[in-house]
Amino acid sequence: MEATEILNSAVVPSIILNGPVQHLCYGMARVFLNTPLRRFGFRCDKLCNRWDSMDSFISDRVADVSLYRQRFAPFMSLEGKVVMDLGCNRGYLLDAFLREEKFKAIGVDMTEAMAERARGSARAAGFANVEVRLGDALALPIDSATVNCTWSMY
């Protein structure tokens, strides 16, 4: 078993979605990105849940990075690896992990606006080893067997 498979099964049980269920999940995600319902989604400046702003949401998520690193540590180090963040949003988790370990980062997001924000964030932080690509879980913009670790966290 590959380290990535062990990591995925240890942190979050993998669920394989095929056929209509896969398309339903993908469609529901897109509804909250591309329709008037986006105001209820998590990609807005004012969030409609426990966070009062996107900044407080990001701060809360980044505060969990040490917990994620503890969960990853028994299985692999990110140092020197190729790591993909699927649904990278503004790239804040890649940024937080890169401050602790050096690796080649690939951020993938389904909207050009978020991908561009993540690119800007990487440039501003001085991380030259970050690529941000447009794509999603159904159309990954990478070649097979080129990534050591993938995560997708909300």
N, C-alpha and C. Protein backbone atom coordinates (compact mmCIF):
# COMPACT_ATOMS: atom_id res chain seq x y z
N MET A 1 0.84 -1.18 0.00
CA MET A 1 0.00 0.00 0.00
C MET A 1 0.88 1.24 0.00
N GLU A 2 0.55 2.21 -0.83
CA GLU A 2 1.30 3.46 -0.92
C GLU A 2 1.07 4.31 0.33
N ALA A 3 2.04 5.17 0.64
CA ALA A 3 1.91 6.07 1.79
C ALA A 3 0.67 6.93 1.68
N THR A 4 0.35 7.38 0.47
CA THR A 4 -0.82 8.23 0.28
C THR A 4 -2.09 7.47 0.61
N GLU A 5 -2.16 6.19 0.22
CA GLU A 5 -3.34 5.38 0.53
C GLU A 5 -3.47 5.17 2.04
N ILE A 6 -2.35 4.91 2.70
CA ILE A 6 -2.38 4.74 4.15
C ILE A 6 -2.82 6.04 4.81
N LEU A 7 -2.26 7.15 4.37
CA LEU A 7 -2.60 8.45 4.94
C LEU A 7 -4.08 8.74 4.77
N ASN A 8 -4.60 8.52 3.56
CA ASN A 8 -6.01 8.80 3.32
C ASN A 8 -6.91 7.93 4.18
N SER A 9 -6.58 6.66 4.33
CA SER A 9 -7.44 5.78 5.11
C SER A 9 -7.34 6.07 6.60
N ALA A 10 -6.18 6.59 7.05
CA ALA A 10 -6.01 6.87 8.47
C ALA A 10 -6.66 8.18 8.88
N VAL A 11 -6.64 9.16 8.02
CA VAL A 11 -7.17 10.47 8.39
C VAL A 11 -8.66 10.55 8.16
N VAL A 12 -9.09 10.19 6.98
CA VAL A 12 -10.49 10.23 6.62
C VAL A 12 -10.80 9.00 5.79
N PRO A 13 -11.80 8.22 6.15
CA PRO A 13 -12.13 7.06 5.34
C PRO A 13 -12.45 7.50 3.91
N SER A 14 -11.91 6.79 2.94
CA SER A 14 -12.18 7.12 1.54
C SER A 14 -13.56 6.63 1.15
N ILE A 15 -14.25 7.43 0.39
CA ILE A 15 -15.55 7.05 -0.14
C ILE A 15 -15.45 7.17 -1.65
N ILE A 16 -15.68 6.08 -2.33
CA ILE A 16 -15.62 6.09 -3.78
C ILE A 16 -17.02 6.36 -4.29
N LEU A 17 -17.19 7.42 -5.04
CA LEU A 17 -18.48 7.77 -5.61
C LEU A 17 -18.43 7.50 -7.10
N ASN A 18 -19.41 6.79 -7.59
CA ASN A 18 -19.47 6.48 -9.01
C ASN A 18 -20.85 6.82 -9.54
N GLY A 19 -20.90 7.09 -10.81
CA GLY A 19 -22.16 7.26 -11.51
C GLY A 19 -22.99 8.42 -11.00
N PRO A 20 -24.30 8.20 -10.85
CA PRO A 20 -25.22 9.29 -10.50
C PRO A 20 -24.88 9.97 -9.17
N VAL A 21 -24.42 9.23 -8.18
CA VAL A 21 -24.09 9.83 -6.88
C VAL A 21 -22.93 10.81 -7.04
N GLN A 22 -21.93 10.41 -7.80
CA GLN A 22 -20.78 11.28 -8.06
C GLN A 22 -21.22 12.57 -8.72
N HIS A 23 -22.06 12.47 -9.72
CA HIS A 23 -22.52 13.65 -10.44
C HIS A 23 -23.43 14.52 -9.58
N LEU A 24 -24.21 13.90 -8.71
CA LEU A 24 -25.07 14.66 -7.79
C LEU A 24 -24.21 15.48 -6.83
N CYS A 25 -23.20 14.87 -6.24
CA CYS A 25 -22.31 15.59 -5.31
C CYS A 25 -21.60 16.73 -6.01
N TYR A 26 -21.08 16.46 -7.19
CA TYR A 26 -20.39 17.48 -7.96
C TYR A 26 -21.35 18.62 -8.31
N GLY A 27 -22.56 18.26 -8.73
CA GLY A 27 -23.55 19.27 -9.09
C GLY A 27 -23.94 20.14 -7.91
N MET A 28 -24.09 19.53 -6.73
CA MET A 28 -24.45 20.30 -5.53
C MET A 28 -23.34 21.29 -5.17
N ALA A 29 -22.10 20.86 -5.30
CA ALA A 29 -20.99 21.78 -5.01
C ALA A 29 -21.03 22.97 -5.97
N ARG A 30 -21.30 22.71 -7.23
CA ARG A 30 -21.32 23.79 -8.22
C ARG A 30 -22.49 24.74 -8.00
N VAL A 31 -23.61 24.24 -7.47
CA VAL A 31 -24.77 25.10 -7.19
C VAL A 31 -24.38 26.22 -6.23
N PHE A 32 -23.53 25.89 -5.25
CA PHE A 32 -23.14 26.89 -4.26
C PHE A 32 -21.97 27.75 -4.73
N LEU A 33 -21.52 27.54 -5.96
CA LEU A 33 -20.47 28.37 -6.54
C LEU A 33 -20.98 29.25 -7.67
N ASN A 34 -21.94 28.74 -8.44
CA ASN A 34 -22.29 29.38 -9.71
C ASN A 34 -23.74 29.84 -9.83
N THR A 35 -24.47 29.90 -8.75
CA THR A 35 -25.85 30.35 -8.80
C THR A 35 -26.08 31.37 -7.69
N PRO A 36 -27.26 31.95 -7.62
CA PRO A 36 -27.53 32.88 -6.51
C PRO A 36 -27.39 32.24 -5.12
N LEU A 37 -27.41 30.91 -5.05
CA LEU A 37 -27.21 30.24 -3.76
C LEU A 37 -25.78 30.38 -3.23
N ARG A 38 -24.87 30.93 -4.04
CA ARG A 38 -23.48 31.08 -3.59
C ARG A 38 -23.39 31.94 -2.32
N ARG A 39 -24.39 32.79 -2.08
CA ARG A 39 -24.35 33.60 -0.86
C ARG A 39 -24.45 32.75 0.40
N PHE A 40 -24.92 31.50 0.26
CA PHE A 40 -24.98 30.58 1.40
C PHE A 40 -23.76 29.68 1.48
N GLY A 41 -22.88 29.78 0.51
CA GLY A 41 -21.69 28.95 0.47
C GLY A 41 -20.59 29.53 1.33
N PHE A 42 -19.43 28.89 1.29
CA PHE A 42 -18.31 29.31 2.12
C PHE A 42 -17.33 30.20 1.38
N ARG A 43 -17.56 30.49 0.12
CA ARG A 43 -16.63 31.31 -0.65
C ARG A 43 -17.18 32.71 -0.85
N CYS A 44 -17.39 33.38 0.23
CA CYS A 44 -17.82 34.77 0.16
C CYS A 44 -17.09 35.52 1.27
N ASP A 45 -17.08 36.83 1.18
CA ASP A 45 -16.36 37.60 2.20
C ASP A 45 -17.07 37.60 3.55
N LYS A 46 -18.37 37.51 3.55
CA LYS A 46 -19.14 37.45 4.79
C LYS A 46 -19.76 36.07 4.88
N LEU A 47 -19.37 35.28 5.83
CA LEU A 47 -19.85 33.92 5.95
C LEU A 47 -21.12 33.85 6.79
N CYS A 48 -21.97 32.90 6.43
CA CYS A 48 -23.27 32.75 7.09
C CYS A 48 -23.23 31.60 8.08
N ASN A 49 -22.22 31.52 8.91
CA ASN A 49 -22.11 30.45 9.88
C ASN A 49 -21.30 30.94 11.08
N ARG A 50 -20.50 30.09 11.67
CA ARG A 50 -19.82 30.47 12.92
C ARG A 50 -18.71 31.49 12.73
N TRP A 51 -18.28 31.73 11.53
CA TRP A 51 -17.23 32.72 11.28
C TRP A 51 -17.85 34.02 10.82
N ASP A 52 -17.37 35.12 11.34
CA ASP A 52 -17.95 36.41 10.96
C ASP A 52 -17.32 37.00 9.71
N SER A 53 -16.23 36.40 9.23
CA SER A 53 -15.60 36.89 8.01
C SER A 53 -14.72 35.80 7.42
N MET A 54 -14.31 35.98 6.19
CA MET A 54 -13.40 35.03 5.56
C MET A 54 -12.06 35.02 6.30
N ASP A 55 -11.63 36.15 6.80
CA ASP A 55 -10.37 36.19 7.56
C ASP A 55 -10.43 35.32 8.81
N SER A 56 -11.55 35.35 9.53
CA SER A 56 -11.65 34.51 10.74
C SER A 56 -11.77 33.03 10.36
N PHE A 57 -12.42 32.74 9.23
CA PHE A 57 -12.49 31.37 8.73
C PHE A 57 -11.08 30.85 8.44
N ILE A 58 -10.30 31.65 7.70
CA ILE A 58 -8.94 31.24 7.35
C ILE A 58 -8.08 31.08 8.60
N SER A 59 -8.20 31.99 9.54
CA SER A 59 -7.43 31.89 10.80
C SER A 59 -7.77 30.60 11.53
N ASP A 60 -9.04 30.26 11.57
CA ASP A 60 -9.48 29.03 12.22
C ASP A 60 -8.90 27.81 11.52
N ARG A 61 -8.92 27.79 10.19
CA ARG A 61 -8.42 26.67 9.42
C ARG A 61 -6.90 26.54 9.59
N VAL A 62 -6.19 27.64 9.53
CA VAL A 62 -4.74 27.61 9.65
C VAL A 62 -4.33 27.16 11.06
N ALA A 63 -5.13 27.49 12.06
CA ALA A 63 -4.82 27.07 13.43
C ALA A 63 -4.84 25.54 13.56
N ASP A 64 -5.54 24.86 12.65
CA ASP A 64 -5.61 23.39 12.68
C ASP A 64 -4.43 22.71 11.99
N VAL A 65 -3.55 23.46 11.37
CA VAL A 65 -2.44 22.87 10.62
C VAL A 65 -1.56 22.00 11.52
N SER A 66 -1.31 22.40 12.74
CA SER A 66 -0.49 21.56 13.61
C SER A 66 -1.17 20.22 13.88
N LEU A 67 -2.49 20.21 13.99
CA LEU A 67 -3.24 18.96 14.16
C LEU A 67 -3.11 18.09 12.91
N TYR A 68 -3.25 18.69 11.74
CA TYR A 68 -3.09 17.92 10.50
C TYR A 68 -1.68 17.34 10.40
N ARG A 69 -0.68 18.13 10.74
CA ARG A 69 0.69 17.65 10.68
C ARG A 69 0.91 16.48 11.64
N GLN A 70 0.30 16.52 12.81
CA GLN A 70 0.39 15.40 13.75
C GLN A 70 -0.23 14.14 13.15
N ARG A 71 -1.35 14.32 12.46
CA ARG A 71 -2.01 13.16 11.84
C ARG A 71 -1.21 12.62 10.67
N PHE A 72 -0.54 13.47 9.91
CA PHE A 72 0.26 13.04 8.78
C PHE A 72 1.56 12.37 9.24
N ALA A 73 2.15 12.86 10.32
CA ALA A 73 3.51 12.48 10.73
C ALA A 73 3.75 10.98 10.82
N PRO A 74 2.84 10.18 11.37
CA PRO A 74 3.14 8.74 11.45
C PRO A 74 3.28 8.07 10.08
N PHE A 75 2.78 8.71 9.04
CA PHE A 75 2.75 8.07 7.74
C PHE A 75 3.75 8.64 6.75
N MET A 76 3.98 9.93 6.83
CA MET A 76 4.92 10.54 5.90
C MET A 76 5.22 11.98 6.28
N SER A 77 6.36 12.42 5.84
CA SER A 77 6.72 13.83 5.91
C SER A 77 6.40 14.43 4.56
N LEU A 78 6.04 15.69 4.52
CA LEU A 78 5.80 16.36 3.26
C LEU A 78 7.10 16.86 2.64
N GLU A 79 8.15 16.92 3.44
CA GLU A 79 9.45 17.45 3.00
C GLU A 79 9.91 16.77 1.71
N GLY A 80 10.16 17.59 0.68
CA GLY A 80 10.68 17.09 -0.58
C GLY A 80 9.68 16.37 -1.47
N LYS A 81 8.43 16.31 -1.05
CA LYS A 81 7.40 15.59 -1.81
C LYS A 81 6.66 16.54 -2.75
N VAL A 82 5.80 15.96 -3.58
CA VAL A 82 4.87 16.72 -4.40
C VAL A 82 3.50 16.54 -3.74
N VAL A 83 2.90 17.65 -3.32
CA VAL A 83 1.67 17.63 -2.54
C VAL A 83 0.60 18.42 -3.27
N MET A 84 -0.59 17.83 -3.38
CA MET A 84 -1.70 18.51 -4.05
C MET A 84 -2.80 18.81 -3.04
N ASP A 85 -3.26 20.06 -3.06
CA ASP A 85 -4.40 20.50 -2.26
C ASP A 85 -5.58 20.63 -3.23
N LEU A 86 -6.51 19.68 -3.16
CA LEU A 86 -7.66 19.66 -4.04
C LEU A 86 -8.75 20.54 -3.44
N GLY A 87 -9.07 21.63 -4.11
CA GLY A 87 -9.99 22.62 -3.57
C GLY A 87 -9.22 23.60 -2.71
N CYS A 88 -8.13 24.12 -3.26
CA CYS A 88 -7.17 24.90 -2.47
C CYS A 88 -7.69 26.27 -2.04
N ASN A 89 -8.82 26.71 -2.60
CA ASN A 89 -9.38 28.00 -2.24
C ASN A 89 -8.32 29.07 -2.45
N ARG A 90 -8.03 29.86 -1.46
CA ARG A 90 -7.04 30.93 -1.60
C ARG A 90 -5.61 30.47 -1.36
N GLY A 91 -5.42 29.19 -1.09
CA GLY A 91 -4.09 28.64 -0.89
C GLY A 91 -3.56 28.77 0.52
N TYR A 92 -4.42 29.11 1.48
CA TYR A 92 -3.95 29.37 2.84
C TYR A 92 -3.41 28.12 3.53
N LEU A 93 -3.95 26.93 3.24
CA LEU A 93 -3.41 25.73 3.88
C LEU A 93 -2.06 25.35 3.28
N LEU A 94 -1.92 25.45 1.97
CA LEU A 94 -0.60 25.21 1.37
C LEU A 94 0.42 26.17 1.97
N ASP A 95 0.05 27.42 2.09
CA ASP A 95 0.93 28.43 2.67
C ASP A 95 1.36 28.03 4.08
N ALA A 96 0.39 27.62 4.90
CA ALA A 96 0.70 27.26 6.29
C ALA A 96 1.60 26.03 6.37
N PHE A 97 1.34 25.02 5.54
CA PHE A 97 2.20 23.84 5.54
C PHE A 97 3.59 24.16 5.02
N LEU A 98 3.69 25.00 3.99
CA LEU A 98 5.00 25.35 3.43
C LEU A 98 5.86 26.14 4.41
N ARG A 99 5.26 26.77 5.37
CA ARG A 99 6.03 27.49 6.39
C ARG A 99 6.75 26.52 7.33
N GLU A 100 6.27 25.26 7.37
CA GLU A 100 6.85 24.23 8.25
C GLU A 100 7.77 23.27 7.51
N GLU A 101 7.40 22.90 6.29
CA GLU A 101 8.16 21.94 5.50
C GLU A 101 8.26 22.43 4.07
N LYS A 102 9.36 22.09 3.41
CA LYS A 102 9.55 22.50 2.02
C LYS A 102 9.14 21.35 1.11
N PHE A 103 8.22 21.62 0.21
CA PHE A 103 7.76 20.62 -0.76
C PHE A 103 7.25 21.35 -1.99
N LYS A 104 7.04 20.62 -3.07
CA LYS A 104 6.46 21.19 -4.28
C LYS A 104 4.95 21.11 -4.11
N ALA A 105 4.29 22.24 -4.18
CA ALA A 105 2.84 22.30 -3.93
C ALA A 105 2.08 22.52 -5.23
N ILE A 106 1.00 21.77 -5.37
CA ILE A 106 0.07 21.97 -6.48
C ILE A 106 -1.30 22.24 -5.87
N GLY A 107 -1.77 23.44 -6.07
CA GLY A 107 -3.12 23.78 -5.63
C GLY A 107 -4.07 23.63 -6.81
N VAL A 108 -5.22 23.04 -6.56
CA VAL A 108 -6.22 22.85 -7.60
C VAL A 108 -7.53 23.42 -7.11
N ASP A 109 -8.13 24.28 -7.92
CA ASP A 109 -9.44 24.81 -7.57
C ASP A 109 -10.31 24.84 -8.81
N MET A 110 -11.63 24.83 -8.61
CA MET A 110 -12.54 24.76 -9.74
C MET A 110 -12.96 26.13 -10.27
N THR A 111 -12.54 27.20 -9.62
CA THR A 111 -12.87 28.53 -10.15
C THR A 111 -11.58 29.30 -10.41
N GLU A 112 -11.57 30.00 -11.50
CA GLU A 112 -10.38 30.78 -11.86
C GLU A 112 -10.12 31.88 -10.84
N ALA A 113 -11.19 32.45 -10.28
CA ALA A 113 -11.01 33.53 -9.29
C ALA A 113 -10.23 33.03 -8.07
N MET A 114 -10.58 31.84 -7.54
CA MET A 114 -9.86 31.31 -6.38
C MET A 114 -8.46 30.87 -6.77
N ALA A 115 -8.32 30.29 -7.95
CA ALA A 115 -6.99 29.88 -8.40
C ALA A 115 -6.07 31.09 -8.50
N GLU A 116 -6.58 32.19 -9.02
CA GLU A 116 -5.76 33.39 -9.14
C GLU A 116 -5.42 33.96 -7.75
N ARG A 117 -6.37 33.90 -6.82
CA ARG A 117 -6.06 34.36 -5.45
C ARG A 117 -4.97 33.51 -4.83
N ALA A 118 -5.03 32.19 -5.05
CA ALA A 118 -4.01 31.30 -4.50
C ALA A 118 -2.65 31.59 -5.13
N ARG A 119 -2.62 31.86 -6.44
CA ARG A 119 -1.36 32.22 -7.10
C ARG A 119 -0.78 33.49 -6.48
N GLY A 120 -1.64 34.48 -6.28
CA GLY A 120 -1.21 35.74 -5.67
C GLY A 120 -0.69 35.55 -4.27
N SER A 121 -1.36 34.70 -3.50
CA SER A 121 -0.94 34.42 -2.13
C SER A 121 0.44 33.77 -2.12
N ALA A 122 0.67 32.82 -3.02
CA ALA A 122 1.97 32.14 -3.09
C ALA A 122 3.07 33.12 -3.46
N ARG A 123 2.78 34.00 -4.43
CA ARG A 123 3.77 35.00 -4.83
C ARG A 123 4.08 35.94 -3.68
N ALA A 124 3.04 36.39 -2.98
CA ALA A 124 3.22 37.34 -1.88
C ALA A 124 4.04 36.72 -0.75
N ALA A 125 3.87 35.41 -0.54
CA ALA A 125 4.62 34.74 0.53
C ALA A 125 6.03 34.36 0.08
N GLY A 126 6.31 34.51 -1.22
CA GLY A 126 7.64 34.20 -1.73
C GLY A 126 7.85 32.72 -2.01
N PHE A 127 6.78 31.97 -2.17
CA PHE A 127 6.89 30.53 -2.45
C PHE A 127 6.96 30.32 -3.95
N ALA A 128 8.14 30.00 -4.46
CA ALA A 128 8.31 29.77 -5.89
C ALA A 128 7.91 28.35 -6.29
N ASN A 129 7.79 27.45 -5.31
CA ASN A 129 7.51 26.05 -5.61
C ASN A 129 6.02 25.71 -5.50
N VAL A 130 5.16 26.67 -5.84
CA VAL A 130 3.71 26.46 -5.82
C VAL A 130 3.15 26.66 -7.21
N GLU A 131 2.43 25.67 -7.69
CA GLU A 131 1.68 25.79 -8.94
C GLU A 131 0.21 25.75 -8.57
N VAL A 132 -0.59 26.57 -9.21
CA VAL A 132 -2.04 26.53 -8.99
C VAL A 132 -2.69 26.28 -10.34
N ARG A 133 -3.54 25.27 -10.37
CA ARG A 133 -4.17 24.85 -11.62
C ARG A 133 -5.69 24.84 -11.47
N LEU A 134 -6.34 25.00 -12.58
CA LEU A 134 -7.79 24.95 -12.63
C LEU A 134 -8.22 23.50 -12.84
N GLY A 135 -9.13 23.00 -12.02
CA GLY A 135 -9.61 21.63 -12.15
C GLY A 135 -10.48 21.26 -10.98
N ASP A 136 -10.87 20.00 -10.92
CA ASP A 136 -11.68 19.49 -9.83
C ASP A 136 -11.44 17.99 -9.69
N ALA A 137 -12.14 17.36 -8.77
CA ALA A 137 -11.91 15.95 -8.48
C ALA A 137 -12.26 15.05 -9.66
N LEU A 138 -13.14 15.51 -10.55
CA LEU A 138 -13.50 14.70 -11.70
C LEU A 138 -12.57 14.91 -12.88
N ALA A 139 -11.82 15.99 -12.86
CA ALA A 139 -10.90 16.29 -13.95
C ALA A 139 -9.61 16.86 -13.35
N LEU A 140 -8.82 15.99 -12.74
CA LEU A 140 -7.58 16.43 -12.10
C LEU A 140 -6.58 16.89 -13.17
N PRO A 141 -6.01 18.06 -13.01
CA PRO A 141 -5.08 18.60 -14.00
C PRO A 141 -3.64 18.16 -13.76
N ILE A 142 -3.44 16.86 -13.53
CA ILE A 142 -2.10 16.33 -13.27
C ILE A 142 -1.94 15.01 -14.01
N ASP A 143 -0.71 14.63 -14.28
CA ASP A 143 -0.43 13.33 -14.87
C ASP A 143 -0.49 12.26 -13.78
N SER A 144 -0.79 11.04 -14.18
CA SER A 144 -0.85 9.92 -13.24
C SER A 144 0.49 9.72 -12.54
N ALA A 145 0.42 9.34 -11.28
CA ALA A 145 1.60 8.99 -10.48
C ALA A 145 2.62 10.11 -10.35
N THR A 146 2.15 11.36 -10.27
CA THR A 146 3.09 12.47 -10.13
C THR A 146 2.99 13.17 -8.78
N VAL A 147 2.07 12.74 -7.94
CA VAL A 147 1.84 13.38 -6.65
C VAL A 147 2.04 12.35 -5.53
N ASN A 148 2.74 12.76 -4.46
CA ASN A 148 2.97 11.88 -3.33
C ASN A 148 1.84 11.91 -2.31
N CYS A 149 1.19 13.05 -2.17
CA CYS A 149 0.16 13.22 -1.16
C CYS A 149 -0.89 14.18 -1.70
N THR A 150 -2.14 13.85 -1.45
CA THR A 150 -3.25 14.73 -1.83
C THR A 150 -4.14 14.92 -0.62
N TRP A 151 -4.59 16.14 -0.42
CA TRP A 151 -5.59 16.37 0.60
C TRP A 151 -6.68 17.26 0.06
N SER A 152 -7.81 17.17 0.69
CA SER A 152 -8.93 18.05 0.40
C SER A 152 -9.62 18.26 1.73
N MET A 153 -9.49 19.44 2.26
CA MET A 153 -10.01 19.73 3.60
C MET A 153 -10.97 20.89 3.57
N TYR A 154 -12.00 20.77 4.39
CA TYR A 154 -12.91 21.90 4.57
C TYR A 154 -12.90 22.26 6.02
